Amino acid sequence: MQKTKNILVVATEDPLEAMRVAAGLTIFGHEVTFLFSLSVEVSEAFQKAAELLELAEVDKIYSLEPFEECEVADARRVENLWRESDLALAI
């Protein structure tokens, strides 16, 4: 049986793809935390990707700067996100 993991997905270059990947990882039962590391334009494509995160029940969503309804993560929180994860993906 496959062991589920705590995975941190960090949107570094392609936030929309990072959101799709994060949602997809939940299919395998992994616990996913998402971090926006850059500003994102809220577009129709963004809204669809955000719906995927919601449907996949990715509830731990953070941002390095104030953005939408995301919790802002300071340096200490980001450090803890990295330490608490079994695996981190930067996309």
PDB file of N, CA and C in Angstrom:
ATOM      1  N   MET A   1       0.839  -1.180   0.000  1.00  0.00           N
ATOM      2  CA  MET A   1       0.000   0.000   0.000  1.00  0.00           C
ATOM      3  C   MET A   1       0.886   1.247   0.000  1.00  0.00           C
ATOM      4  N   GLN A   2       0.474   2.235  -0.772  1.00  0.00           N
ATOM      5  CA  GLN A   2       1.233   3.466  -0.895  1.00  0.00           C
ATOM      6  C   GLN A   2       1.036   4.351   0.327  1.00  0.00           C
ATOM      7  N   LYS A   3       2.127   4.872   0.846  1.00  0.00           N
ATOM      8  CA  LYS A   3       2.060   5.782   1.991  1.00  0.00           C
ATOM      9  C   LYS A   3       1.724   7.183   1.498  1.00  0.00           C
ATOM     10  N   THR A   4       0.758   7.817   2.156  1.00  0.00           N
ATOM     11  CA  THR A   4       0.440   9.190   1.775  1.00  0.00           C
ATOM     12  C   THR A   4       1.486  10.125   2.367  1.00  0.00           C
ATOM     13  N   LYS A   5       1.674  11.240   1.707  1.00  0.00           N
ATOM     14  CA  LYS A   5       2.699  12.191   2.113  1.00  0.00           C
ATOM     15  C   LYS A   5       2.093  13.580   2.299  1.00  0.00           C
ATOM     16  N   ASN A   6       2.790  14.396   3.073  1.00  0.00           N
ATOM     17  CA  ASN A   6       2.478  15.817   3.179  1.00  0.00           C
ATOM     18  C   ASN A   6       3.333  16.518   2.138  1.00  0.00           C
ATOM     19  N   ILE A   7       2.688  17.122   1.141  1.00  0.00           N
ATOM     20  CA  ILE A   7       3.409  17.718   0.027  1.00  0.00           C
ATOM     21  C   ILE A   7       3.162  19.221  -0.010  1.00  0.00           C
ATOM     22  N   LEU A   8       4.234  19.982  -0.118  1.00  0.00           N
ATOM     23  CA  LEU A   8       4.155  21.427  -0.280  1.00  0.00           C
ATOM     24  C   LEU A   8       4.358  21.743  -1.753  1.00  0.00           C
ATOM     25  N   VAL A   9       3.379  22.412  -2.358  1.00  0.00           N
ATOM     26  CA  VAL A   9       3.492  22.853  -3.748  1.00  0.00           C
ATOM     27  C   VAL A   9       3.677  24.367  -3.721  1.00  0.00           C
ATOM     28  N   VAL A  10       4.795  24.826  -4.296  1.00  0.00           N
ATOM     29  CA  VAL A  10       5.110  26.251  -4.314  1.00  0.00           C
ATOM     30  C   VAL A  10       4.993  26.756  -5.753  1.00  0.00           C
ATOM     31  N   ALA A  11       4.126  27.746  -5.945  1.00  0.00           N
ATOM     32  CA  ALA A  11       3.971  28.355  -7.268  1.00  0.00           C
ATOM     33  C   ALA A  11       5.084  29.374  -7.453  1.00  0.00           C
ATOM     34  N   THR A  12       6.097  29.000  -8.246  1.00  0.00           N
ATOM     35  CA  THR A  12       7.243  29.884  -8.437  1.00  0.00           C
ATOM     36  C   THR A  12       7.264  30.520  -9.822  1.00  0.00           C
ATOM     37  N   GLU A  13       6.839  29.776 -10.840  1.00  0.00           N
ATOM     38  CA  GLU A  13       6.892  30.297 -12.212  1.00  0.00           C
ATOM     39  C   GLU A  13       5.554  30.189 -12.935  1.00  0.00           C
ATOM     40  N   ASP A  14       4.808  29.130 -12.670  1.00  0.00           N
ATOM     41  CA  ASP A  14       3.549  28.894 -13.381  1.00  0.00           C
ATOM     42  C   ASP A  14       2.454  28.554 -12.372  1.00  0.00           C
ATOM     43  N   PRO A  15       1.845  29.581 -11.781  1.00  0.00           N
ATOM     44  CA  PRO A  15       0.850  29.347 -10.740  1.00  0.00           C
ATOM     45  C   PRO A  15      -0.327  28.480 -11.176  1.00  0.00           C
ATOM     46  N   LEU A  16      -0.790  28.635 -12.401  1.00  0.00           N
ATOM     47  CA  LEU A  16      -1.934  27.841 -12.858  1.00  0.00           C
ATOM     48  C   LEU A  16      -1.579  26.359 -12.924  1.00  0.00           C
ATOM     49  N   GLU A  17      -0.409  26.058 -13.454  1.00  0.00           N
ATOM     50  CA  GLU A  17       0.027  24.659 -13.508  1.00  0.00           C
ATOM     51  C   GLU A  17       0.261  24.119 -12.106  1.00  0.00           C
ATOM     52  N   ALA A  18       0.833  24.938 -11.237  1.00  0.00           N
ATOM     53  CA  ALA A  18       1.063  24.517  -9.853  1.00  0.00           C
ATOM     54  C   ALA A  18      -0.260  24.183  -9.166  1.00  0.00           C
ATOM     55  N   MET A  19      -1.292  24.965  -9.431  1.00  0.00           N
ATOM     56  CA  MET A  19      -2.606  24.715  -8.832  1.00  0.00           C
ATOM     57  C   MET A  19      -3.188  23.402  -9.353  1.00  0.00           C
ATOM     58  N   ARG A  20      -3.026  23.144 -10.652  1.00  0.00           N
ATOM     59  CA  ARG A  20      -3.523  21.882 -11.225  1.00  0.00           C
ATOM     60  C   ARG A  20      -2.774  20.685 -10.647  1.00  0.00           C
ATOM     61  N   VAL A  21      -1.465  20.804 -10.512  1.00  0.00           N
ATOM     62  CA  VAL A  21      -0.663  19.715  -9.944  1.00  0.00           C
ATOM     63  C   VAL A  21      -1.081  19.455  -8.498  1.00  0.00           C
ATOM     64  N   ALA A  22      -1.237  20.523  -7.723  1.00  0.00           N
ATOM     65  CA  ALA A  22      -1.634  20.377  -6.317  1.00  0.00           C
ATOM     66  C   ALA A  22      -2.959  19.629  -6.209  1.00  0.00           C
ATOM     67  N   ALA A  23      -3.926  20.008  -7.033  1.00  0.00           N
ATOM     68  CA  ALA A  23      -5.225  19.330  -7.015  1.00  0.00           C
ATOM     69  C   ALA A  23      -5.064  17.862  -7.393  1.00  0.00           C
ATOM     70  N   GLY A  24      -4.249  17.586  -8.389  1.00  0.00           N
ATOM     71  CA  GLY A  24      -4.045  16.214  -8.845  1.00  0.00           C
ATOM     72  C   GLY A  24      -3.396  15.324  -7.800  1.00  0.00           C
ATOM     73  N   LEU A  25      -2.520  15.878  -6.994  1.00  0.00           N
ATOM     74  CA  LEU A  25      -1.844  15.080  -5.966  1.00  0.00           C
ATOM     75  C   LEU A  25      -2.814  14.543  -4.921  1.00  0.00           C
ATOM     76  N   THR A  26      -3.918  15.223  -4.727  1.00  0.00           N
ATOM     77  CA  THR A  26      -4.890  14.768  -3.725  1.00  0.00           C
ATOM     78  C   THR A  26      -5.598  13.494  -4.168  1.00  0.00           C
ATOM     79  N   ILE A  27      -5.595  13.220  -5.454  1.00  0.00           N
ATOM     80  CA  ILE A  27      -6.233  11.995  -5.962  1.00  0.00           C
ATOM     81  C   ILE A  27      -5.619  10.765  -5.311  1.00  0.00           C
ATOM     82  N   PHE A  28      -4.330  10.846  -5.011  1.00  0.00           N
ATOM     83  CA  PHE A  28      -3.621   9.719  -4.415  1.00  0.00           C
ATOM     84  C   PHE A  28      -3.672   9.757  -2.890  1.00  0.00           C
ATOM     85  N   GLY A  29      -4.462  10.668  -2.334  1.00  0.00           N
ATOM     86  CA  GLY A  29      -4.633  10.740  -0.893  1.00  0.00           C
ATOM     87  C   GLY A  29      -3.605  11.578  -0.166  1.00  0.00           C
ATOM     88  N   HIS A  30      -2.736  12.250  -0.908  1.00  0.00           N
ATOM     89  CA  HIS A  30      -1.714  13.074  -0.256  1.00  0.00           C
ATOM     90  C   HIS A  30      -2.340  14.324   0.343  1.00  0.00           C
ATOM     91  N   GLU A  31      -1.765  14.784   1.432  1.00  0.00           N
ATOM     92  CA  GLU A  31      -2.155  16.043   2.065  1.00  0.00           C
ATOM     93  C   GLU A  31      -1.328  17.139   1.404  1.00  0.00           C
ATOM     94  N   VAL A  32      -1.992  18.123   0.808  1.00  0.00           N
ATOM     95  CA  VAL A  32      -1.293  19.140   0.028  1.00  0.00           C
ATOM     96  C   VAL A  32      -1.449  20.518   0.667  1.00  0.00           C
ATOM     97  N   THR A  33      -0.325  21.225   0.743  1.00  0.00           N
ATOM     98  CA  THR A  33      -0.288  22.621   1.155  1.00  0.00           C
ATOM     99  C   THR A  33       0.208  23.411  -0.039  1.00  0.00           C
ATOM    100  N   PHE A  34      -0.400  24.577  -0.264  1.00  0.00           N
ATOM    101  CA  PHE A  34      -0.070  25.374  -1.446  1.00  0.00           C
ATOM    102  C   PHE A  34       0.452  26.739  -1.028  1.00  0.00           C
ATOM    103  N   LEU A  35       1.509  27.208  -1.709  1.00  0.00           N
ATOM    104  CA  LEU A  35       2.107  28.509  -1.412  1.00  0.00           C
ATOM    105  C   LEU A  35       2.313  29.299  -2.704  1.00  0.00           C
ATOM    106  N   PHE A  36       1.678  30.471  -2.784  1.00  0.00           N
ATOM    107  CA  PHE A  36       1.943  31.403  -3.882  1.00  0.00           C
ATOM    108  C   PHE A  36       3.186  32.188  -3.513  1.00  0.00           C
ATOM    109  N   SER A  37       4.236  32.115  -4.342  1.00  0.00           N
ATOM    110  CA  SER A  37       5.460  32.856  -4.039  1.00  0.00           C
ATOM    111  C   SER A  37       5.572  34.119  -4.885  1.00  0.00           C
ATOM    112  N   LEU A  38       4.574  34.390  -5.703  1.00  0.00           N
ATOM    113  CA  LEU A  38       4.587  35.559  -6.559  1.00  0.00           C
ATOM    114  C   LEU A  38       3.164  36.063  -6.763  1.00  0.00           C
ATOM    115  N   SER A  39       3.049  37.260  -7.278  1.00  0.00           N
ATOM    116  CA  SER A  39       1.732  37.828  -7.549  1.00  0.00           C
ATOM    117  C   SER A  39       1.104  37.121  -8.739  1.00  0.00           C
ATOM    118  N   VAL A  40      -0.209  36.967  -8.669  1.00  0.00           N
ATOM    119  CA  VAL A  40      -0.931  36.266  -9.728  1.00  0.00           C
ATOM    120  C   VAL A  40      -2.081  37.145 -10.197  1.00  0.00           C
ATOM    121  N   GLU A  41      -2.239  37.205 -11.502  1.00  0.00           N
ATOM    122  CA  GLU A  41      -3.374  37.933 -12.067  1.00  0.00           C
ATOM    123  C   GLU A  41      -4.611  37.047 -11.952  1.00  0.00           C
ATOM    124  N   VAL A  42      -5.667  37.593 -11.386  1.00  0.00           N
ATOM    125  CA  VAL A  42      -6.908  36.835 -11.249  1.00  0.00           C
ATOM    126  C   VAL A  42      -7.659  36.925 -12.571  1.00  0.00           C
ATOM    127  N   SER A  43      -7.640  35.825 -13.300  1.00  0.00           N
ATOM    128  CA  SER A  43      -8.285  35.737 -14.606  1.00  0.00           C
ATOM    129  C   SER A  43      -9.302  34.603 -14.570  1.00  0.00           C
ATOM    130  N   GLU A  44      -9.950  34.379 -15.682  1.00  0.00           N
ATOM    131  CA  GLU A  44     -10.898  33.263 -15.765  1.00  0.00           C
ATOM    132  C   GLU A  44     -10.167  31.934 -15.572  1.00  0.00           C
ATOM    133  N   ALA A  45      -8.992  31.803 -16.170  1.00  0.00           N
ATOM    134  CA  ALA A  45      -8.202  30.570 -16.011  1.00  0.00           C
ATOM    135  C   ALA A  45      -7.804  30.376 -14.549  1.00  0.00           C
ATOM    136  N   PHE A  46      -7.454  31.475 -13.877  1.00  0.00           N
ATOM    137  CA  PHE A  46      -7.111  31.384 -12.459  1.00  0.00           C
ATOM    138  C   PHE A  46      -8.316  30.911 -11.653  1.00  0.00           C
ATOM    139  N   GLN A  47      -9.483  31.464 -11.938  1.00  0.00           N
ATOM    140  CA  GLN A  47     -10.699  31.080 -11.220  1.00  0.00           C
ATOM    141  C   GLN A  47     -10.981  29.585 -11.374  1.00  0.00           C
ATOM    142  N   LYS A  48     -10.787  29.062 -12.575  1.00  0.00           N
ATOM    143  CA  LYS A  48     -11.010  27.627 -12.810  1.00  0.00           C
ATOM    144  C   LYS A  48     -10.009  26.783 -12.021  1.00  0.00           C
ATOM    145  N   ALA A  49      -8.758  27.216 -12.004  1.00  0.00           N
ATOM    146  CA  ALA A  49      -7.743  26.480 -11.247  1.00  0.00           C
ATOM    147  C   ALA A  49      -8.040  26.556  -9.747  1.00  0.00           C
ATOM    148  N   ALA A  50      -8.520  27.705  -9.289  1.00  0.00           N
ATOM    149  CA  ALA A  50      -8.882  27.857  -7.879  1.00  0.00           C
ATOM    150  C   ALA A  50     -10.036  26.929  -7.518  1.00  0.00           C
ATOM    151  N   GLU A  51     -10.987  26.751  -8.438  1.00  0.00           N
ATOM    152  CA  GLU A  51     -12.091  25.813  -8.210  1.00  0.00           C
ATOM    153  C   GLU A  51     -11.576  24.387  -8.070  1.00  0.00           C
ATOM    154  N   LEU A  52     -10.553  24.039  -8.859  1.00  0.00           N
ATOM    155  CA  LEU A  52      -9.952  22.708  -8.743  1.00  0.00           C
ATOM    156  C   LEU A  52      -9.374  22.492  -7.344  1.00  0.00           C
ATOM    157  N   LEU A  53      -8.680  23.503  -6.827  1.00  0.00           N
ATOM    158  CA  LEU A  53      -8.130  23.384  -5.476  1.00  0.00           C
ATOM    159  C   LEU A  53      -9.247  23.196  -4.452  1.00  0.00           C
ATOM    160  N   GLU A  54     -10.322  23.922  -4.644  1.00  0.00           N
ATOM    161  CA  GLU A  54     -11.446  23.804  -3.717  1.00  0.00           C
ATOM    162  C   GLU A  54     -12.084  22.418  -3.799  1.00  0.00           C
ATOM    163  N   LEU A  55     -12.310  21.939  -5.018  1.00  0.00           N
ATOM    164  CA  LEU A  55     -12.894  20.599  -5.189  1.00  0.00           C
ATOM    165  C   LEU A  55     -11.993  19.509  -4.618  1.00  0.00           C
ATOM    166  N   ALA A  56     -10.681  19.716  -4.736  1.00  0.00           N
ATOM    167  CA  ALA A  56      -9.715  18.741  -4.230  1.00  0.00           C
ATOM    168  C   ALA A  56      -9.498  18.886  -2.725  1.00  0.00           C
ATOM    169  N   GLU A  57     -10.181  19.846  -2.120  1.00  0.00           N
ATOM    170  CA  GLU A  57     -10.089  20.096  -0.684  1.00  0.00           C
ATOM    171  C   GLU A  57      -8.676  20.456  -0.230  1.00  0.00           C
ATOM    172  N   VAL A  58      -7.991  21.253  -1.057  1.00  0.00           N
ATOM    173  CA  VAL A  58      -6.711  21.822  -0.648  1.00  0.00           C
ATOM    174  C   VAL A  58      -7.060  23.075   0.145  1.00  0.00           C
ATOM    175  N   ASP A  59      -7.009  22.951   1.463  1.00  0.00           N
ATOM    176  CA  ASP A  59      -7.458  24.029   2.341  1.00  0.00           C
ATOM    177  C   ASP A  59      -6.317  24.895   2.867  1.00  0.00           C
ATOM    178  N   LYS A  60      -5.111  24.365   2.852  1.00  0.00           N
ATOM    179  CA  LYS A  60      -3.969  25.118   3.369  1.00  0.00           C
ATOM    180  C   LYS A  60      -3.317  25.862   2.213  1.00  0.00           C
ATOM    181  N   ILE A  61      -3.773  27.107   2.014  1.00  0.00           N
ATOM    182  CA  ILE A  61      -3.267  27.921   0.912  1.00  0.00           C
ATOM    183  C   ILE A  61      -2.691  29.204   1.489  1.00  0.00           C
ATOM    184  N   TYR A  62      -1.420  29.457   1.170  1.00  0.00           N
ATOM    185  CA  TYR A  62      -0.707  30.609   1.709  1.00  0.00           C
ATOM    186  C   TYR A  62      -0.141  31.450   0.572  1.00  0.00           C
ATOM    187  N   SER A  63       0.212  32.682   0.904  1.00  0.00           N
ATOM    188  CA  SER A  63       0.847  33.592  -0.039  1.00  0.00           C
ATOM    189  C   SER A  63       1.919  34.379   0.703  1.00  0.00           C
ATOM    190  N   LEU A  64       2.951  34.788  -0.028  1.00  0.00           N
ATOM    191  CA  LEU A  64       4.000  35.591   0.593  1.00  0.00           C
ATOM    192  C   LEU A  64       3.579  37.044   0.756  1.00  0.00           C
ATOM    193  N   GLU A  65       2.570  37.473   0.018  1.00  0.00           N
ATOM    194  CA  GLU A  65       2.041  38.827   0.139  1.00  0.00           C
ATOM    195  C   GLU A  65       0.522  38.763   0.128  1.00  0.00           C
ATOM    196  N   PRO A  66      -0.150  39.779   0.626  1.00  0.00           N
ATOM    197  CA  PRO A  66      -1.615  39.729   0.666  1.00  0.00           C
ATOM    198  C   PRO A  66      -2.210  39.430  -0.716  1.00  0.00           C
ATOM    199  N   PHE A  67      -3.063  38.421  -0.740  1.00  0.00           N
ATOM    200  CA  PHE A  67      -3.658  37.988  -2.004  1.00  0.00           C
ATOM    201  C   PHE A  67      -4.953  37.245  -1.729  1.00  0.00           C
ATOM    202  N   GLU A  68      -6.032  37.735  -2.348  1.00  0.00           N
ATOM    203  CA  GLU A  68      -7.341  37.095  -2.228  1.00  0.00           C
ATOM    204  C   GLU A  68      -7.605  36.709  -0.771  1.00  0.00           C
ATOM    205  N   GLU A  69      -8.016  35.479  -0.563  1.00  0.00           N
ATOM    206  CA  GLU A  69      -8.365  34.998   0.778  1.00  0.00           C
ATOM    207  C   GLU A  69      -7.263  34.134   1.392  1.00  0.00           C
ATOM    208  N   CYS A  70      -6.077  34.219   0.826  1.00  0.00           N
ATOM    209  CA  CYS A  70      -4.958  33.409   1.315  1.00  0.00           C
ATOM    210  C   CYS A  70      -4.401  33.978   2.606  1.00  0.00           C
ATOM    211  N   GLU A  71      -3.952  33.069   3.445  1.00  0.00           N
ATOM    212  CA  GLU A  71      -3.242  33.488   4.645  1.00  0.00           C
ATOM    213  C   GLU A  71      -1.834  33.907   4.241  1.00  0.00           C
ATOM    214  N   VAL A  72      -1.379  35.050   4.730  1.00  0.00           N
ATOM    215  CA  VAL A  72      -0.031  35.517   4.421  1.00  0.00           C
ATOM    216  C   VAL A  72       0.957  34.753   5.296  1.00  0.00           C
ATOM    217  N   ALA A  73       1.977  34.194   4.650  1.00  0.00           N
ATOM    218  CA  ALA A  73       2.992  33.415   5.364  1.00  0.00           C
ATOM    219  C   ALA A  73       4.256  34.243   5.514  1.00  0.00           C
ATOM    220  N   ASP A  74       4.648  34.480   6.758  1.00  0.00           N
ATOM    221  CA  ASP A  74       5.913  35.171   6.998  1.00  0.00           C
ATOM    222  C   ASP A  74       7.048  34.143   6.919  1.00  0.00           C
ATOM    223  N   ALA A  75       8.264  34.611   7.105  1.00  0.00           N
ATOM    224  CA  ALA A  75       9.434  33.734   6.973  1.00  0.00           C
ATOM    225  C   ALA A  75       9.362  32.527   7.893  1.00  0.00           C
ATOM    226  N   ARG A  76       8.919  32.734   9.124  1.00  0.00           N
ATOM    227  CA  ARG A  76       8.818  31.637  10.088  1.00  0.00           C
ATOM    228  C   ARG A  76       7.807  30.594   9.612  1.00  0.00           C
ATOM    229  N   ARG A  77       6.674  31.060   9.111  1.00  0.00           N
ATOM    230  CA  ARG A  77       5.634  30.133   8.640  1.00  0.00           C
ATOM    231  C   ARG A  77       6.127  29.346   7.426  1.00  0.00           C
ATOM    232  N   VAL A  78       6.804  30.023   6.504  1.00  0.00           N
ATOM    233  CA  VAL A  78       7.340  29.327   5.326  1.00  0.00           C
ATOM    234  C   VAL A  78       8.344  28.261   5.762  1.00  0.00           C
ATOM    235  N   GLU A  79       9.199  28.588   6.713  1.00  0.00           N
ATOM    236  CA  GLU A  79      10.155  27.608   7.235  1.00  0.00           C
ATOM    237  C   GLU A  79       9.414  26.388   7.781  1.00  0.00           C
ATOM    238  N   ASN A  80       8.356  26.628   8.543  1.00  0.00           N
ATOM    239  CA  ASN A  80       7.581  25.522   9.102  1.00  0.00           C
ATOM    240  C   ASN A  80       6.890  24.702   8.020  1.00  0.00           C
ATOM    241  N   LEU A  81       6.400  25.356   6.983  1.00  0.00           N
ATOM    242  CA  LEU A  81       5.768  24.613   5.878  1.00  0.00           C
ATOM    243  C   LEU A  81       6.774  23.646   5.256  1.00  0.00           C
ATOM    244  N   TRP A  82       8.011  24.116   5.047  1.00  0.00           N
ATOM    245  CA  TRP A  82       9.054  23.265   4.479  1.00  0.00           C
ATOM    246  C   TRP A  82       9.381  22.106   5.423  1.00  0.00           C
ATOM    247  N   ARG A  83       9.512  22.401   6.703  1.00  0.00           N
ATOM    248  CA  ARG A  83       9.877  21.368   7.669  1.00  0.00           C
ATOM    249  C   ARG A  83       8.779  20.323   7.840  1.00  0.00           C
ATOM    250  N   GLU A  84       7.520  20.751   7.762  1.00  0.00           N
ATOM    251  CA  GLU A  84       6.384  19.836   7.965  1.00  0.00           C
ATOM    252  C   GLU A  84       6.097  18.965   6.754  1.00  0.00           C
ATOM    253  N   SER A  85       6.666  19.306   5.606  1.00  0.00           N
ATOM    254  CA  SER A  85       6.363  18.546   4.393  1.00  0.00           C
ATOM    255  C   SER A  85       7.353  17.390   4.201  1.00  0.00           C
ATOM    256  N   ASP A  86       6.836  16.327   3.609  1.00  0.00           N
ATOM    257  CA  ASP A  86       7.698  15.189   3.240  1.00  0.00           C
ATOM    258  C   ASP A  86       8.387  15.453   1.911  1.00  0.00           C
ATOM    259  N   LEU A  87       7.750  16.307   1.123  1.00  0.00           N
ATOM    260  CA  LEU A  87       8.221  16.580  -0.235  1.00  0.00           C
ATOM    261  C   LEU A  87       7.772  17.976  -0.611  1.00  0.00           C
ATOM    262  N   ALA A  88       8.592  18.698  -1.352  1.00  0.00           N
ATOM    263  CA  ALA A  88       8.214  20.025  -1.836  1.00  0.00           C
ATOM    264  C   ALA A  88       8.439  20.075  -3.342  1.00  0.00           C
ATOM    265  N   LEU A  89       7.472  20.676  -4.039  1.00  0.00           N
ATOM    266  CA  LEU A  89       7.556  20.861  -5.486  1.00  0.00           C
ATOM    267  C   LEU A  89       7.487  22.336  -5.783  1.00  0.00           C
ATOM    268  N   ALA A  90       8.417  22.836  -6.572  1.00  0.00           N
ATOM    269  CA  ALA A  90       8.381  24.226  -7.021  1.00  0.00           C
ATOM    270  C   ALA A  90       8.038  24.209  -8.507  1.00  0.00           C
ATOM    271  N   ILE A  91       6.925  24.842  -8.826  1.00  0.00           N
ATOM    272  CA  ILE A  91       6.437  24.798 -10.211  1.00  0.00           C
ATOM    273  C   ILE A  91       6.235  26.218 -10.702  1.00  0.00           C
TER     274      ILE A  91
END
